[in-house]
Amino acid sequence: MLHIVQISLLPGWSGITPERTVSLDGDRLLLTTPPMTRRGRPGSGRLRWERAGAE
């Protein structure tokens, strides 16, 4: 899935469309980057969103 970044605190990220793996589990959304190497170490980034409860 392509994830459109409209606004970012990182100036170079605004307007980009990176690829992400998406999973949805109830009220949780998880976006995961493809495998990458950063500072010589392999890994991937994950961003988890959770729906706030209505009280």
C-alpha atoms as a PDB file:
ATOM      1  CA  MET A   1       0.000   0.000   0.000  1.00  0.00           C
ATOM      2  CA  LEU A   2       1.158   3.527  -0.686  1.00  0.00           C
ATOM      3  CA  HIS A   3       1.023   5.940   2.250  1.00  0.00           C
ATOM      4  CA  ILE A   4       0.692   9.597   1.252  1.00  0.00           C
ATOM      5  CA  VAL A   5       2.520  11.971   3.627  1.00  0.00           C
ATOM      6  CA  GLN A   6       0.790  15.340   3.475  1.00  0.00           C
ATOM      7  CA  ILE A   7       2.553  17.037   6.417  1.00  0.00           C
ATOM      8  CA  SER A   8       5.633  16.013   8.384  1.00  0.00           C
ATOM      9  CA  LEU A   9       7.924  17.458  11.022  1.00  0.00           C
ATOM     10  CA  LEU A  10      10.712  16.266   8.700  1.00  0.00           C
ATOM     11  CA  PRO A  11      10.698  18.782   5.799  1.00  0.00           C
ATOM     12  CA  GLY A  12      11.907  16.255   3.217  1.00  0.00           C
ATOM     13  CA  TRP A  13       9.008  13.900   3.943  1.00  0.00           C
ATOM     14  CA  SER A  14       6.113  16.245   3.090  1.00  0.00           C
ATOM     15  CA  GLY A  15       4.586  15.273  -0.234  1.00  0.00           C
ATOM     16  CA  ILE A  16       6.275  11.860  -0.572  1.00  0.00           C
ATOM     17  CA  THR A  17       4.424   8.574  -1.134  1.00  0.00           C
ATOM     18  CA  PRO A  18       6.350   5.731   0.538  1.00  0.00           C
ATOM     19  CA  GLU A  19       5.334   2.068   0.396  1.00  0.00           C
ATOM     20  CA  ARG A  20       4.026   0.553   3.641  1.00  0.00           C
ATOM     21  CA  THR A  21       2.619  -2.780   4.747  1.00  0.00           C
ATOM     22  CA  VAL A  22      -0.692  -2.195   6.505  1.00  0.00           C
ATOM     23  CA  SER A  23      -2.447  -4.351   9.086  1.00  0.00           C
ATOM     24  CA  LEU A  24      -5.658  -3.620  10.934  1.00  0.00           C
ATOM     25  CA  ASP A  25      -6.592  -5.403  14.164  1.00  0.00           C
ATOM     26  CA  GLY A  26      -9.741  -4.066  15.775  1.00  0.00           C
ATOM     27  CA  ASP A  27      -8.984  -0.446  16.717  1.00  0.00           C
ATOM     28  CA  ARG A  28      -5.249  -0.738  15.912  1.00  0.00           C
ATOM     29  CA  LEU A  29      -3.629   0.203  12.610  1.00  0.00           C
ATOM     30  CA  LEU A  30       0.005  -0.776  12.011  1.00  0.00           C
ATOM     31  CA  LEU A  31       2.116   0.687   9.174  1.00  0.00           C
ATOM     32  CA  THR A  32       5.459  -1.063   8.547  1.00  0.00           C
ATOM     33  CA  THR A  33       8.268  -0.042   6.175  1.00  0.00           C
ATOM     34  CA  PRO A  34       9.975  -2.503   3.862  1.00  0.00           C
ATOM     35  CA  PRO A  35      13.254  -3.903   5.261  1.00  0.00           C
ATOM     36  CA  MET A  36      16.073  -1.328   5.165  1.00  0.00           C
ATOM     37  CA  THR A  37      19.559  -0.672   6.499  1.00  0.00           C
ATOM     38  CA  ARG A  38      20.189   2.343   8.711  1.00  0.00           C
ATOM     39  CA  ARG A  39      23.611   3.133  10.154  1.00  0.00           C
ATOM     40  CA  GLY A  40      24.743  -0.284   8.975  1.00  0.00           C
ATOM     41  CA  ARG A  41      22.017  -2.164  10.846  1.00  0.00           C
ATOM     42  CA  PRO A  42      19.073  -3.962   9.188  1.00  0.00           C
ATOM     43  CA  GLY A  43      15.547  -3.297  10.372  1.00  0.00           C
ATOM     44  CA  SER A  44      12.202  -1.760   9.524  1.00  0.00           C
ATOM     45  CA  GLY A  45      10.126   1.081  10.896  1.00  0.00           C
ATOM     46  CA  ARG A  46       6.719   0.625  12.476  1.00  0.00           C
ATOM     47  CA  LEU A  47       4.032   3.164  13.262  1.00  0.00           C
ATOM     48  CA  ARG A  48       1.059   2.079  15.354  1.00  0.00           C
ATOM     49  CA  TRP A  49      -2.151   4.060  15.592  1.00  0.00           C
ATOM     50  CA  GLU A  50      -4.885   3.182  18.055  1.00  0.00           C
ATOM     51  CA  ARG A  51      -8.403   4.606  17.979  1.00  0.00           C
ATOM     52  CA  ALA A  52      -9.180   6.672  21.050  1.00  0.00           C
ATOM     53  CA  GLY A  53     -12.127   5.450  23.103  1.00  0.00           C
ATOM     54  CA  ALA A  54     -15.325   7.477  23.174  1.00  0.00           C
ATOM     55  CA  GLU A  55     -16.133   8.395  26.766  1.00  0.00           C
END
